[in-house]
Amino acid sequence: MSWWSEGMPWRSGPWSLTLRGDELADVAYEGRAVLRSVRAVVRDADWNTADLVVDRVSETDTSLTLHVRSEGLGSSFAGVVRVERRTAGLRVVLDLETADAFDTNRTGLVVLHPPSVAGAPLEVHHTDGRASRTAFPRRISPHQPVTDVAALSWPVAGAEIGARFDGDVFEMEDQRNWTDASFKTYSRPLDLPFPYRLAAGERVRQSIALTVTGQMPPREPAGDTAIGLRPGGVFPAMLLGAATAPDPAPPTRPVGDGVLVELDLGTPTWRAALARAREAGLPLDVRFTIGDDPAAAAAVLGDAVAALRGIPLLRIAVFHSAGPARHVSDVDAVAALRRAMADAGIEAPVVGGSRSHFTELNRERHRLPADLDALTTTVTPLFHATGTDQLVESVAMQRLVARQTVDTAGGLPVHLGPIALRPRFNDVATGAQPAPTRPDLAEGYGAAFTGGTDPRQDAPKLAAWTIASAAAHAVPGVASLAWFEEWGPRGIRSSDGTDRPVAAALRDLAALSGAELLTGESPDGLVWAVGARREDTATVLAANLDRVPRTVTVDVAGRPIDLALAAGTFRRTDLAPNQESP
């Protein structure tokens, strides 16, 4: 997979968009963004998404038609997604037919609104004819901001955007919970039973009609690219996730301040996984996963905590893998962990939160006990979509997640990670997931069975993305960041021990751990910088995620420096006392 997919631009009158695969991206009116995208989705009973293959594209002066078919997950849909420019506005039509019966949690159109609308007034027209007024949420909303949607209207640049939905009842969720740069309006409502069955020969027909009322002024030229870095506490510690890939392991080459190891105590590999994580010789951040049976959980936690005797520990966490508190650390789980630690004579900070996404922390924080020593959550940018645009746009949302997590922590340290490109497991699966059956690591464990891999793990540009992501996460109150894995398909090294390009970025970040943090805001979500100061020497790491070269002025506590950055690269700059700016 290449880093960027350029897409095919389409324009009709004042309307424009870019076709990227099956996605109608960057829908704009007179050059002003109206929607982040519109696309059709086919999701199975475990919320997995079938590929929508575009076999043919036809266009006229006023229409764009995608001839599509689904592929994978037992799906057999075929039909069209069509864009029509009409006098009243722009209309997107979906018409799919399934050849075979299919159990789905969602099949239909989804609309993504850009994050720039946060805080904007929102008028909602409901299916019974009522209208209500609210606003796009500023803080990341744990639950649906609006439900029972027939139409929406909101302001953009002085004009009023209207969107009318036909073919089903729609509602909205705040996808910033998953670090997506969007609010999503979708069907069907989640309070209806799912999965639901589409019979063989059944058709899914939906449409979205967009209108613009009023005039939009011309876009203003972009301003100067400048980032101001100011002191913000201590630079976060840097950890790597323990490798989950099958043995044999390559020679150990430790990076950072520790290793985060996730141990599912319901599988036979946890002892071997713990032993391998120790081989780096670094302290461990141990994350236990237990079932929802209290007696069984207490017994297995006792054995697992006892196995930690003599191991240097950074902290310990425990999460449920099933039940009402799935993927979070609830009162009962943490109490069981503390009892096991007391019995084993283990002393370490006890952390809690969510092991899947910020979403679960945001929705289930009432389940967390009051006696936690720190708070944790994870980041997986490629959950809903897998394009590079999604990956890049996620970085600014990661800063929102970091800030809101720090706010939720109420003064406790925050530990973010594992940070992985793709999910380490399917947190919304309704059926049994793959798991190891043998006690050794010949087949690997954890994410080697349940997680996704991404070809961009090998990309040189991932190094710049990692620097940008670290800059976004480095807000005061974040004590550590845990990245990827030590080695393997999800690692900073390959299974034979060869460094991937991202390893250089992690080593540069790890070198700053414990220094004084210098943090600042990105002007556009594409150029980022973070720094650290030890005594009189400041170090700046700047990254450019744009498609084109950029020059950025970084003000380091009143000392400006101009940095030229090629597209998709990062740069380290050290500033000694009285040294002239580069």
Protein backbone atom coordinates (compact mmCIF):
# COMPACT_ATOMS: atom_id res chain seq x y z
CA MET A 1 0.00 0.00 0.00
CA SER A 2 1.36 3.45 -0.92
CA TRP A 3 1.28 6.12 1.79
CA TRP A 4 -1.07 8.47 -0.09
CA SER A 5 -3.94 7.70 -2.44
CA GLU A 6 -4.46 10.69 -4.68
CA GLY A 7 -8.05 9.94 -5.68
CA MET A 8 -10.08 11.22 -8.63
CA PRO A 9 -11.48 14.77 -8.45
CA TRP A 10 -15.02 15.40 -9.66
CA ARG A 11 -16.70 18.78 -10.10
CA SER A 12 -20.17 19.80 -11.23
CA GLY A 13 -21.16 23.44 -10.98
CA PRO A 14 -20.33 24.75 -7.49
CA TRP A 15 -20.01 21.23 -6.05
CA SER A 16 -16.82 19.18 -5.90
CA LEU A 17 -15.50 16.03 -4.27
CA THR A 18 -12.66 13.52 -4.54
CA LEU A 19 -13.32 9.85 -5.20
CA ARG A 20 -10.94 7.74 -3.09
CA GLY A 21 -11.74 4.09 -3.63
CA ASP A 22 -15.40 3.77 -2.62
CA GLU A 23 -15.38 7.01 -0.60
CA LEU A 24 -16.85 10.33 -1.78
CA ALA A 25 -14.36 12.48 0.10
CA ASP A 26 -14.01 16.21 0.77
CA VAL A 27 -17.47 17.22 -0.44
CA ALA A 28 -17.27 20.98 -1.00
CA TYR A 29 -19.38 23.89 -2.25
CA GLU A 30 -17.54 26.76 -3.93
CA GLY A 31 -14.33 25.31 -2.52
CA ARG A 32 -15.61 25.27 1.08
CA ALA A 33 -15.73 21.92 2.89
CA VAL A 34 -19.32 20.83 3.53
CA LEU A 35 -18.78 17.17 4.48
CA ARG A 36 -15.69 15.14 5.27
CA SER A 37 -17.13 12.29 3.19
CA VAL A 38 -20.07 10.08 2.22
CA ARG A 39 -19.70 6.35 1.73
CA ALA A 40 -21.68 3.13 1.73
CA VAL A 41 -20.79 0.46 4.29
CA VAL A 42 -21.61 -3.22 4.69
CA ARG A 43 -20.93 -4.54 8.20
CA ASP A 44 -21.43 -8.07 9.45
CA ALA A 45 -22.71 -9.33 12.81
CA ASP A 46 -19.31 -8.63 14.45
CA TRP A 47 -19.07 -5.09 13.01
CA ASN A 48 -16.41 -6.16 10.54
CA THR A 49 -16.61 -4.17 7.30
CA ALA A 50 -16.76 -5.90 3.93
CA ASP A 51 -14.76 -4.37 1.11
CA LEU A 52 -16.85 -2.40 -1.37
CA VAL A 53 -15.15 -2.94 -4.71
CA VAL A 54 -15.66 -0.30 -7.40
CA ASP A 55 -15.81 -2.17 -10.71
CA ARG A 56 -16.59 0.78 -12.91
CA VAL A 57 -17.02 4.56 -12.70
CA SER A 58 -19.13 6.55 -15.13
CA GLU A 59 -19.59 10.31 -15.09
CA THR A 60 -21.45 13.08 -16.88
CA ASP A 61 -21.52 16.83 -16.37
CA THR A 62 -24.04 16.36 -13.57
CA SER A 63 -23.54 12.83 -12.22
CA LEU A 64 -20.96 10.37 -10.97
CA THR A 65 -21.91 6.68 -10.73
CA LEU A 66 -19.95 3.95 -8.96
CA HIS A 67 -20.83 0.40 -9.92
CA VAL A 68 -19.98 -1.54 -6.79
CA ARG A 69 -20.04 -4.99 -5.22
CA SER A 70 -19.18 -6.18 -1.73
CA GLU A 71 -16.43 -8.68 -1.12
CA GLY A 72 -15.72 -10.79 1.94
CA LEU A 73 -17.47 -11.73 5.21
CA GLY A 74 -20.02 -13.81 3.30
CA SER A 75 -21.58 -10.72 1.73
CA SER A 76 -22.93 -10.64 -1.83
CA PHE A 77 -24.18 -7.11 -2.49
CA ALA A 78 -24.07 -5.41 -5.87
CA GLY A 79 -25.46 -2.10 -7.11
CA VAL A 80 -24.60 1.57 -7.46
CA VAL A 81 -23.62 4.63 -5.48
CA ARG A 82 -24.58 7.67 -7.52
CA VAL A 83 -23.95 11.40 -7.09
CA GLU A 84 -26.39 13.76 -8.82
CA ARG A 85 -26.05 17.52 -9.09
CA ARG A 86 -29.53 19.01 -9.18
CA THR A 87 -30.88 22.55 -9.22
CA ALA A 88 -31.66 22.31 -5.51
CA GLY A 89 -28.29 20.86 -4.53
CA LEU A 90 -26.37 17.57 -4.49
CA ARG A 91 -27.92 14.13 -3.98
CA VAL A 92 -26.16 10.85 -3.13
CA VAL A 93 -28.14 7.69 -3.86
CA LEU A 94 -27.40 4.13 -2.75
CA ASP A 95 -29.07 1.10 -4.34
CA LEU A 96 -27.66 -2.30 -3.32
CA GLU A 97 -29.15 -5.77 -3.69
CA THR A 98 -27.92 -8.86 -1.85
CA ALA A 99 -27.81 -12.15 -3.73
CA ASP A 100 -27.81 -14.18 -0.51
CA ALA A 101 -29.28 -13.70 2.94
CA PHE A 102 -26.92 -11.67 5.14
CA ASP A 103 -26.89 -10.85 8.84
CA THR A 104 -25.72 -7.27 9.26
CA ASN A 105 -25.34 -4.69 11.98
CA ARG A 106 -25.33 -1.87 9.44
CA THR A 107 -25.68 -1.65 5.68
CA GLY A 108 -26.25 1.77 4.17
CA LEU A 109 -24.89 5.28 3.75
CA VAL A 110 -22.82 7.08 6.36
CA VAL A 111 -22.01 10.79 6.37
CA LEU A 112 -18.91 12.21 8.04
CA HIS A 113 -19.02 15.83 9.21
CA PRO A 114 -15.60 17.52 9.68
CA PRO A 115 -14.40 18.23 13.24
CA SER A 116 -14.36 21.96 12.45
CA VAL A 117 -18.14 22.04 13.10
CA ALA A 118 -17.61 21.30 16.82
CA GLY A 119 -19.65 23.86 18.77
CA ALA A 120 -21.68 24.96 15.73
CA PRO A 121 -25.48 25.26 16.12
CA LEU A 122 -27.36 22.24 14.79
CA GLU A 123 -31.04 22.00 13.89
CA VAL A 124 -32.48 18.48 13.83
CA HIS A 125 -35.68 17.49 12.05
CA HIS A 126 -37.08 14.25 13.44
CA THR A 127 -39.04 11.51 11.74
CA ASP A 128 -42.31 12.60 13.41
CA GLY A 129 -42.01 16.13 12.02
CA ARG A 130 -40.66 17.75 15.19
CA ALA A 131 -37.63 20.04 15.10
CA SER A 132 -35.10 20.58 17.87
CA ARG A 133 -32.04 22.78 18.28
CA THR A 134 -28.73 21.71 19.76
CA ALA A 135 -25.05 22.00 18.77
CA PHE A 136 -22.25 19.76 17.62
CA PRO A 137 -20.45 18.91 20.88
CA ARG A 138 -17.16 20.58 21.72
CA ARG A 139 -16.02 17.96 24.21
CA ILE A 140 -15.93 14.42 22.89
CA SER A 141 -19.44 13.13 23.50
CA PRO A 142 -19.65 9.62 25.00
CA HIS A 143 -23.06 8.92 23.48
CA GLN A 144 -25.08 9.94 20.42
CA PRO A 145 -25.43 13.75 20.31
CA VAL A 146 -28.64 13.47 18.25
CA THR A 147 -31.02 10.62 17.43
CA ASP A 148 -34.13 10.03 15.30
CA VAL A 149 -32.78 12.12 12.42
CA ALA A 150 -34.67 12.85 9.20
CA ALA A 151 -32.75 16.04 8.33
CA LEU A 152 -30.01 18.28 9.70
CA SER A 153 -28.97 21.88 9.10
CA TRP A 154 -25.93 23.79 10.38
CA PRO A 155 -23.91 26.90 9.42
CA VAL A 156 -20.66 26.90 7.47
CA ALA A 157 -18.88 30.18 6.63
CA GLY A 158 -22.08 32.23 6.85
CA ALA A 159 -24.21 29.86 4.75
CA GLU A 160 -26.66 27.19 5.93
CA ILE A 161 -26.00 23.55 5.00
CA GLY A 162 -28.95 21.18 4.84
CA ALA A 163 -28.88 17.38 4.69
CA ARG A 164 -32.03 15.30 4.27
CA PHE A 165 -31.88 11.53 4.81
CA ASP A 166 -34.24 9.01 3.20
CA GLY A 167 -34.52 5.24 3.33
CA ASP A 168 -34.05 4.71 7.08
CA VAL A 169 -33.88 6.49 10.43
CA PHE A 170 -30.47 8.06 11.08
CA GLU A 171 -28.56 9.19 14.16
CA MET A 172 -25.16 10.69 14.96
CA GLU A 173 -22.13 9.63 16.97
CA ASP A 174 -18.95 11.49 17.88
CA GLN A 175 -16.20 9.57 16.12
CA ARG A 176 -13.51 11.60 17.85
CA ASN A 177 -13.90 8.91 20.54
CA TRP A 178 -11.86 6.67 18.22
CA THR A 179 -9.60 9.60 17.14
CA ASP A 180 -11.49 9.86 13.83
CA ALA A 181 -11.67 13.45 12.60
CA SER A 182 -15.45 13.44 12.22
CA PHE A 183 -18.97 13.28 13.53
CA LYS A 184 -20.80 10.41 11.82
CA THR A 185 -24.48 10.38 10.80
CA TYR A 186 -25.56 6.83 10.03
CA SER A 187 -28.41 4.35 9.99
CA ARG A 188 -29.81 2.25 11.54
CA PRO A 189 -30.35 3.36 15.17
CA LEU A 190 -28.32 1.37 17.69
CA ASP A 191 -31.27 0.99 20.05
CA LEU A 192 -32.88 -1.33 17.48
CA PRO A 193 -31.91 -5.01 17.62
CA PHE A 194 -28.79 -6.08 15.74
CA PRO A 195 -27.71 -7.98 13.80
CA TYR A 196 -30.73 -7.96 11.50
CA ARG A 197 -31.22 -10.16 8.46
CA LEU A 198 -31.43 -8.99 4.88
CA ALA A 199 -33.15 -11.69 2.83
CA ALA A 200 -31.80 -12.92 -0.51
CA GLY A 201 -32.85 -10.47 -3.21
CA GLU A 202 -33.57 -7.67 -0.71
CA ARG A 203 -32.53 -4.16 -1.69
CA VAL A 204 -31.10 -1.34 0.41
CA ARG A 205 -32.12 2.04 -1.00
CA GLN A 206 -31.08 5.25 0.72
CA SER A 207 -30.37 8.83 -0.28
CA ILE A 208 -28.91 12.01 1.13
CA ALA A 209 -29.82 15.41 -0.32
CA LEU A 210 -27.48 18.35 0.37
CA THR A 211 -28.46 22.01 0.00
CA VAL A 212 -26.70 25.31 0.60
CA THR A 213 -28.61 28.46 1.50
CA GLY A 214 -26.80 31.80 1.48
CA GLN A 215 -23.44 32.91 0.16
CA MET A 216 -20.04 31.64 1.22
CA PRO A 217 -17.21 34.19 1.11
CA PRO A 218 -13.99 33.31 -0.73
CA ARG A 219 -11.51 31.29 1.26
CA GLU A 220 -8.81 33.36 2.96
CA PRO A 221 -5.21 32.49 2.12
CA ALA A 222 -3.42 30.31 4.66
CA GLY A 223 -1.50 32.19 7.31
CA ASP A 224 2.06 31.71 8.47
CA THR A 225 3.01 28.26 9.72
CA ALA A 226 4.23 28.79 13.26
CA ILE A 227 4.32 26.64 16.38
CA GLY A 228 5.05 28.04 19.81
CA LEU A 229 6.62 25.60 22.28
CA ARG A 230 6.29 26.37 25.98
CA PRO A 231 7.22 24.44 29.15
CA GLY A 232 4.62 21.83 30.11
CA GLY A 233 6.01 19.66 32.88
CA VAL A 234 7.98 16.46 32.27
CA PHE A 235 8.50 14.87 28.85
CA PRO A 236 6.59 11.55 28.83
CA ALA A 237 8.36 8.25 29.28
CA MET A 238 8.49 6.13 26.12
CA LEU A 239 7.60 2.43 26.15
CA LEU A 240 7.22 -0.28 23.54
CA GLY A 241 4.51 -2.90 23.45
CA ALA A 242 5.75 -6.44 24.00
CA ALA A 243 6.05 -8.42 20.78
CA THR A 244 3.10 -10.76 20.21
CA ALA A 245 4.51 -12.42 17.07
CA PRO A 246 5.51 -16.10 17.02
CA ASP A 247 8.92 -17.28 18.17
CA PRO A 248 11.80 -17.24 17.47
CA ALA A 249 12.55 -13.79 18.82
CA PRO A 250 15.42 -11.76 17.33
CA PRO A 251 18.30 -10.57 19.55
CA THR A 252 17.15 -8.05 22.17
CA ARG A 253 17.72 -4.35 21.45
CA PRO A 254 15.96 -2.36 24.20
CA VAL A 255 14.41 1.00 23.35
CA GLY A 256 12.83 3.39 25.82
CA ASP A 257 11.89 3.20 29.46
CA GLY A 258 9.92 -0.03 29.65
CA VAL A 259 7.82 -2.70 27.97
CA LEU A 260 4.02 -2.85 28.12
CA VAL A 261 2.84 -6.46 28.11
CA GLU A 262 -0.82 -7.48 27.76
CA LEU A 263 -1.60 -10.84 29.34
CA ASP A 264 -4.95 -12.52 28.75
CA LEU A 265 -5.22 -14.80 31.75
CA GLY A 266 -7.83 -16.89 29.98
CA THR A 267 -5.22 -18.19 27.52
CA PRO A 268 -2.36 -20.66 28.12
CA THR A 269 0.38 -18.37 26.79
CA TRP A 270 0.48 -15.73 29.49
CA ARG A 271 3.46 -17.20 31.39
CA ALA A 272 5.54 -17.50 28.20
CA ALA A 273 4.52 -13.98 27.11
CA LEU A 274 5.57 -12.58 30.48
CA ALA A 275 8.90 -14.37 30.31
CA ARG A 276 9.63 -13.05 26.82
CA ALA A 277 8.69 -9.49 27.78
CA ARG A 278 11.35 -9.65 30.53
CA GLU A 279 14.10 -10.37 28.02
CA ALA A 280 14.50 -6.69 27.16
CA GLY A 281 15.75 -6.09 30.69
CA LEU A 282 13.43 -3.12 31.14
CA PRO A 283 10.73 -2.58 33.77
CA LEU A 284 7.27 -3.82 32.83
CA ASP A 285 3.88 -2.18 32.55
CA VAL A 286 1.66 -5.26 33.03
CA ARG A 287 -1.93 -5.30 31.76
CA PHE A 288 -4.02 -8.32 32.86
CA THR A 289 -7.28 -9.32 31.17
CA ILE A 290 -9.75 -11.46 33.11
CA GLY A 291 -13.22 -12.90 32.54
CA ASP A 292 -16.36 -11.80 34.35
CA ASP A 293 -16.57 -14.76 36.77
CA PRO A 294 -15.36 -13.33 40.15
CA ALA A 295 -14.16 -16.61 41.66
CA ALA A 296 -12.27 -17.70 38.55
CA ALA A 297 -10.79 -14.21 38.13
CA ALA A 298 -9.54 -14.14 41.73
CA ALA A 299 -7.82 -17.51 41.35
CA VAL A 300 -6.06 -16.71 38.09
CA LEU A 301 -5.08 -13.22 39.28
CA GLY A 302 -3.48 -14.77 42.34
CA ASP A 303 -1.28 -16.99 40.17
CA ALA A 304 -0.45 -14.22 37.71
CA VAL A 305 0.46 -11.61 40.32
CA ALA A 306 2.60 -14.13 42.19
CA ALA A 307 4.52 -14.65 38.92
CA LEU A 308 5.56 -10.98 39.05
CA ARG A 309 7.78 -11.46 42.12
CA GLY A 310 11.29 -10.24 41.42
CA ILE A 311 10.32 -8.40 38.22
CA PRO A 312 10.91 -4.62 38.07
CA LEU A 313 7.42 -3.15 37.63
CA LEU A 314 6.28 0.25 36.44
CA ARG A 315 2.58 -0.42 37.14
CA ILE A 316 -0.17 -3.02 36.90
CA ALA A 317 -3.67 -2.83 35.42
CA VAL A 318 -6.57 -5.23 35.05
CA PHE A 319 -9.48 -5.24 32.60
CA HIS A 320 -12.52 -7.41 31.97
CA SER A 321 -12.74 -9.27 28.66
CA ALA A 322 -16.50 -9.89 28.94
CA GLY A 323 -19.61 -8.81 30.81
CA PRO A 324 -21.07 -5.35 31.51
CA ALA A 325 -17.62 -3.88 32.25
CA ARG A 326 -16.00 -5.36 29.14
CA HIS A 327 -12.64 -3.71 28.33
CA VAL A 328 -12.59 -1.46 31.42
CA SER A 329 -11.22 -1.65 34.97
CA ASP A 330 -14.21 -1.76 37.28
CA VAL A 331 -14.35 -1.69 41.08
CA ASP A 332 -14.48 -5.49 41.46
CA ALA A 333 -11.58 -6.18 39.09
CA VAL A 334 -9.30 -3.61 40.72
CA ALA A 335 -10.21 -4.83 44.21
CA ALA A 336 -9.34 -8.40 43.17
CA LEU A 337 -6.03 -7.18 41.78
CA ARG A 338 -5.16 -5.33 44.99
CA ARG A 339 -5.95 -8.40 47.10
CA ALA A 340 -3.72 -10.54 44.89
CA MET A 341 -0.91 -7.99 45.14
CA ALA A 342 -1.20 -7.90 48.92
CA ASP A 343 -1.13 -11.70 49.12
CA ALA A 344 1.95 -11.86 46.88
CA GLY A 345 3.75 -8.96 48.56
CA ILE A 346 3.84 -7.00 45.30
CA GLU A 347 3.98 -3.19 45.44
CA ALA A 348 3.37 -1.18 42.29
CA PRO A 349 1.02 1.59 41.14
CA VAL A 350 -2.40 0.26 40.12
CA VAL A 351 -3.73 1.90 36.97
CA GLY A 352 -7.09 1.52 35.29
CA GLY A 353 -9.21 2.75 32.44
CA SER A 354 -9.93 1.15 29.07
CA ARG A 355 -7.90 -1.29 26.99
CA SER A 356 -9.75 -0.86 23.68
CA HIS A 357 -10.44 2.79 22.85
CA PHE A 358 -11.01 6.10 24.60
CA THR A 359 -14.67 5.43 23.76
CA GLU A 360 -15.00 2.90 26.58
CA LEU A 361 -13.28 5.19 29.09
CA ASN A 362 -15.55 8.04 28.05
CA ARG A 363 -18.70 5.93 28.33
CA GLU A 364 -17.85 3.73 31.31
CA ARG A 365 -15.75 5.91 33.60
CA HIS A 366 -18.46 5.60 36.29
CA ARG A 367 -17.35 1.97 36.70
CA LEU A 368 -13.77 2.91 37.64
CA PRO A 369 -12.83 2.81 41.34
CA ALA A 370 -11.82 5.97 43.15
CA ASP A 371 -8.52 4.57 44.43
CA LEU A 372 -6.65 4.23 41.12
CA ASP A 373 -3.07 5.52 41.07
CA ALA A 374 -3.24 6.52 37.40
CA LEU A 375 -5.53 6.43 34.36
CA THR A 376 -4.94 4.73 31.01
CA THR A 377 -6.49 4.39 27.59
CA THR A 378 -5.33 3.35 24.11
CA VAL A 379 -5.20 4.79 20.60
CA THR A 380 -6.02 2.97 17.35
CA PRO A 381 -6.48 5.47 14.49
CA LEU A 382 -7.36 2.92 11.78
CA PHE A 383 -10.49 1.48 13.36
CA HIS A 384 -13.34 2.77 11.17
CA ALA A 385 -11.32 3.39 8.01
CA THR A 386 -7.82 2.53 6.81
CA GLY A 387 -6.81 5.33 4.44
CA THR A 388 -3.78 7.52 5.03
CA ASP A 389 -6.04 10.57 5.26
CA GLN A 390 -7.67 8.90 8.25
CA LEU A 391 -4.26 8.24 9.79
CA VAL A 392 -3.06 11.83 9.34
CA GLU A 393 -6.31 13.49 10.41
CA SER A 394 -6.36 11.35 13.55
CA VAL A 395 -3.34 13.13 15.02
CA ALA A 396 -5.20 16.35 15.90
CA MET A 397 -7.97 14.24 17.45
CA GLN A 398 -5.36 12.43 19.54
CA ARG A 399 -4.59 15.74 21.21
CA LEU A 400 -8.26 16.13 22.11
CA VAL A 401 -8.31 12.61 23.55
CA ALA A 402 -5.14 13.26 25.56
CA ARG A 403 -6.53 16.48 27.00
CA GLN A 404 -9.91 14.99 27.86
CA THR A 405 -8.26 11.96 29.48
CA VAL A 406 -6.05 14.24 31.58
CA ASP A 407 -9.15 16.20 32.57
CA THR A 408 -10.96 12.97 33.51
CA ALA A 409 -7.94 11.85 35.54
CA GLY A 410 -8.34 14.84 37.87
CA GLY A 411 -4.65 15.18 38.66
CA LEU A 412 -3.66 11.52 38.37
CA PRO A 413 -0.92 10.59 35.90
CA VAL A 414 -2.14 9.44 32.48
CA HIS A 415 -0.52 6.55 30.60
CA LEU A 416 -1.52 6.33 26.92
CA GLY A 417 -1.07 3.16 24.93
CA PRO A 418 -0.59 0.80 23.35
CA ILE A 419 -0.70 3.12 20.34
CA ALA A 420 -1.17 0.87 17.30
CA LEU A 421 -2.19 1.58 13.72
CA ARG A 422 -4.84 -1.15 13.58
CA PRO A 423 -6.94 -2.73 16.35
CA ARG A 424 -5.19 -5.28 18.54
CA PHE A 425 -8.51 -7.11 18.90
CA ASN A 426 -12.14 -6.70 17.87
CA ASP A 427 -13.64 -4.96 20.89
CA VAL A 428 -17.20 -5.18 19.53
CA ALA A 429 -17.16 -8.83 18.43
CA THR A 430 -20.26 -10.79 19.40
CA GLY A 431 -18.74 -14.23 18.82
CA ALA A 432 -15.68 -16.14 20.00
CA GLN A 433 -12.35 -14.74 18.80
CA PRO A 434 -9.21 -16.66 17.77
CA ALA A 435 -6.95 -17.64 20.68
CA PRO A 436 -3.84 -19.76 21.25
CA THR A 437 -4.23 -23.33 22.44
CA ARG A 438 -0.62 -24.13 23.42
CA PRO A 439 1.43 -22.69 26.28
CA ASP A 440 4.48 -21.65 24.25
CA LEU A 441 4.81 -18.81 21.75
CA ALA A 442 5.36 -20.89 18.63
CA GLU A 443 2.16 -19.33 17.23
CA GLY A 444 2.45 -16.06 19.10
CA TYR A 445 -0.29 -14.69 21.34
CA GLY A 446 -2.68 -11.79 21.76
CA ALA A 447 -2.71 -9.52 18.72
CA ALA A 448 -0.99 -12.20 16.65
CA PHE A 449 -4.36 -13.98 16.75
CA THR A 450 -6.85 -11.13 17.12
CA GLY A 451 -5.15 -8.01 15.74
CA GLY A 452 -4.64 -6.35 12.40
CA THR A 453 -1.42 -5.50 10.61
CA ASP A 454 -0.77 -2.60 8.27
CA PRO A 455 1.75 -2.34 5.42
CA ARG A 456 2.52 1.24 6.47
CA GLN A 457 4.37 -0.16 9.49
CA ASP A 458 7.29 -0.41 7.04
CA ALA A 459 6.83 3.07 5.56
CA PRO A 460 9.49 5.75 6.13
CA LYS A 461 6.68 8.27 6.61
CA LEU A 462 5.49 6.41 9.70
CA ALA A 463 8.49 7.89 11.51
CA ALA A 464 7.16 11.42 10.87
CA TRP A 465 3.67 10.31 11.86
CA THR A 466 5.00 8.94 15.16
CA ILE A 467 6.77 12.21 15.98
CA ALA A 468 3.56 14.11 15.17
CA SER A 469 1.49 11.71 17.27
CA ALA A 470 3.89 12.11 20.19
CA ALA A 471 3.65 15.90 19.85
CA ALA A 472 -0.14 15.65 19.90
CA HIS A 473 -0.21 13.38 22.96
CA ALA A 474 2.41 15.33 24.89
CA VAL A 475 0.12 17.50 26.98
CA PRO A 476 0.79 18.26 30.65
CA GLY A 477 -0.40 15.31 32.71
CA VAL A 478 0.52 12.58 30.24
CA ALA A 479 3.22 10.55 31.98
CA SER A 480 3.97 7.88 29.37
CA LEU A 481 3.30 6.76 25.82
CA ALA A 482 3.52 3.11 24.74
CA TRP A 483 4.05 2.43 21.03
CA PHE A 484 3.51 -0.45 18.62
CA GLU A 485 5.49 -3.58 19.54
CA GLU A 486 9.17 -4.42 20.01
CA TRP A 487 9.38 -6.53 16.84
CA GLY A 488 7.21 -8.47 14.42
CA PRO A 489 4.50 -7.32 11.99
CA ARG A 490 3.33 -4.61 14.42
CA GLY A 491 6.82 -3.77 15.66
CA ILE A 492 9.48 -1.12 15.25
CA ARG A 493 11.72 -3.98 14.06
CA SER A 494 10.91 -6.85 11.74
CA SER A 495 10.85 -10.45 12.95
CA ASP A 496 14.50 -10.86 11.93
CA GLY A 497 15.50 -7.87 14.07
CA THR A 498 15.97 -5.32 11.27
CA ASP A 499 15.03 -1.77 12.23
CA ARG A 500 12.04 -0.27 10.50
CA PRO A 501 12.22 3.48 9.76
CA VAL A 502 9.93 4.21 12.72
CA ALA A 503 12.60 2.91 15.10
CA ALA A 504 14.65 6.07 14.59
CA ALA A 505 11.72 8.21 15.66
CA LEU A 506 11.19 6.13 18.82
CA ARG A 507 14.86 6.38 19.75
CA ASP A 508 14.81 10.16 19.34
CA LEU A 509 11.67 10.39 21.49
CA ALA A 510 13.08 8.05 24.14
CA ALA A 511 16.20 10.21 24.42
CA LEU A 512 14.02 13.09 25.66
CA SER A 513 12.21 11.11 28.34
CA GLY A 514 12.28 12.80 31.74
CA ALA A 515 13.49 16.17 30.45
CA GLU A 516 11.41 19.35 30.66
CA LEU A 517 8.58 19.09 28.12
CA LEU A 518 8.16 21.85 25.51
CA THR A 519 4.70 21.56 24.00
CA GLY A 520 2.60 23.55 21.53
CA GLU A 521 -0.30 23.50 19.09
CA SER A 522 -0.21 22.53 15.43
CA PRO A 523 -1.48 25.34 13.18
CA ASP A 524 -3.23 22.94 10.77
CA GLY A 525 -2.90 19.34 11.96
CA LEU A 526 -0.23 18.68 9.32
CA VAL A 527 2.93 20.17 10.83
CA TRP A 528 3.78 19.35 14.43
CA ALA A 529 6.60 19.98 16.87
CA VAL A 530 7.52 18.88 20.36
CA GLY A 531 10.62 19.61 22.38
CA ALA A 532 12.51 19.00 25.57
CA ARG A 533 15.10 20.89 27.56
CA ARG A 534 17.91 19.51 29.71
CA GLU A 535 19.82 22.22 31.54
CA ASP A 536 20.56 24.83 28.85
CA THR A 537 20.13 22.66 25.74
CA ALA A 538 16.77 22.37 24.00
CA THR A 539 15.90 19.66 21.46
CA VAL A 540 13.08 20.08 18.95
CA LEU A 541 11.47 17.28 16.94
CA ALA A 542 9.37 18.65 14.07
CA ALA A 543 7.32 16.60 11.59
CA ASN A 544 5.54 17.34 8.32
CA LEU A 545 2.59 15.09 7.47
CA ASP A 546 1.62 17.17 4.44
CA ARG A 547 1.88 15.99 0.85
CA VAL A 548 4.20 18.90 0.02
CA PRO A 549 7.36 20.38 1.59
CA ARG A 550 6.73 22.87 4.39
CA THR A 551 8.72 25.44 6.30
CA VAL A 552 7.67 25.94 9.89
CA THR A 553 8.77 28.56 12.40
CA VAL A 554 9.12 26.97 15.82
CA ASP A 555 9.31 29.39 18.72
CA VAL A 556 11.22 27.61 21.48
CA ALA A 557 10.31 29.58 24.61
CA GLY A 558 10.91 32.90 22.85
CA ARG A 559 13.63 31.71 20.50
CA PRO A 560 12.32 31.28 16.91
CA ILE A 561 13.89 28.83 14.48
CA ASP A 562 12.91 28.16 10.85
CA LEU A 563 12.83 24.50 9.85
CA ALA A 564 12.44 23.21 6.29
CA LEU A 565 10.71 19.83 6.19
CA ALA A 566 10.26 17.61 3.17
CA ALA A 567 6.88 15.93 2.77
CA GLY A 568 6.41 13.03 5.19
CA THR A 569 9.63 13.61 7.16
CA PHE A 570 10.76 14.70 10.59
CA ARG A 571 13.80 16.58 11.77
CA ARG A 572 15.68 16.79 15.06
CA THR A 573 17.32 20.09 16.01
CA ASP A 574 19.46 20.68 19.11
CA LEU A 575 19.83 24.23 20.38
CA ALA A 576 22.73 24.91 22.74
CA PRO A 577 23.08 28.20 24.65
CA ASN A 578 23.95 31.17 22.42
CA GLN A 579 23.83 28.96 19.32
CA GLU A 580 22.46 30.70 16.26
CA SER A 581 19.15 29.36 14.97
CA PRO A 582 19.50 27.04 11.95
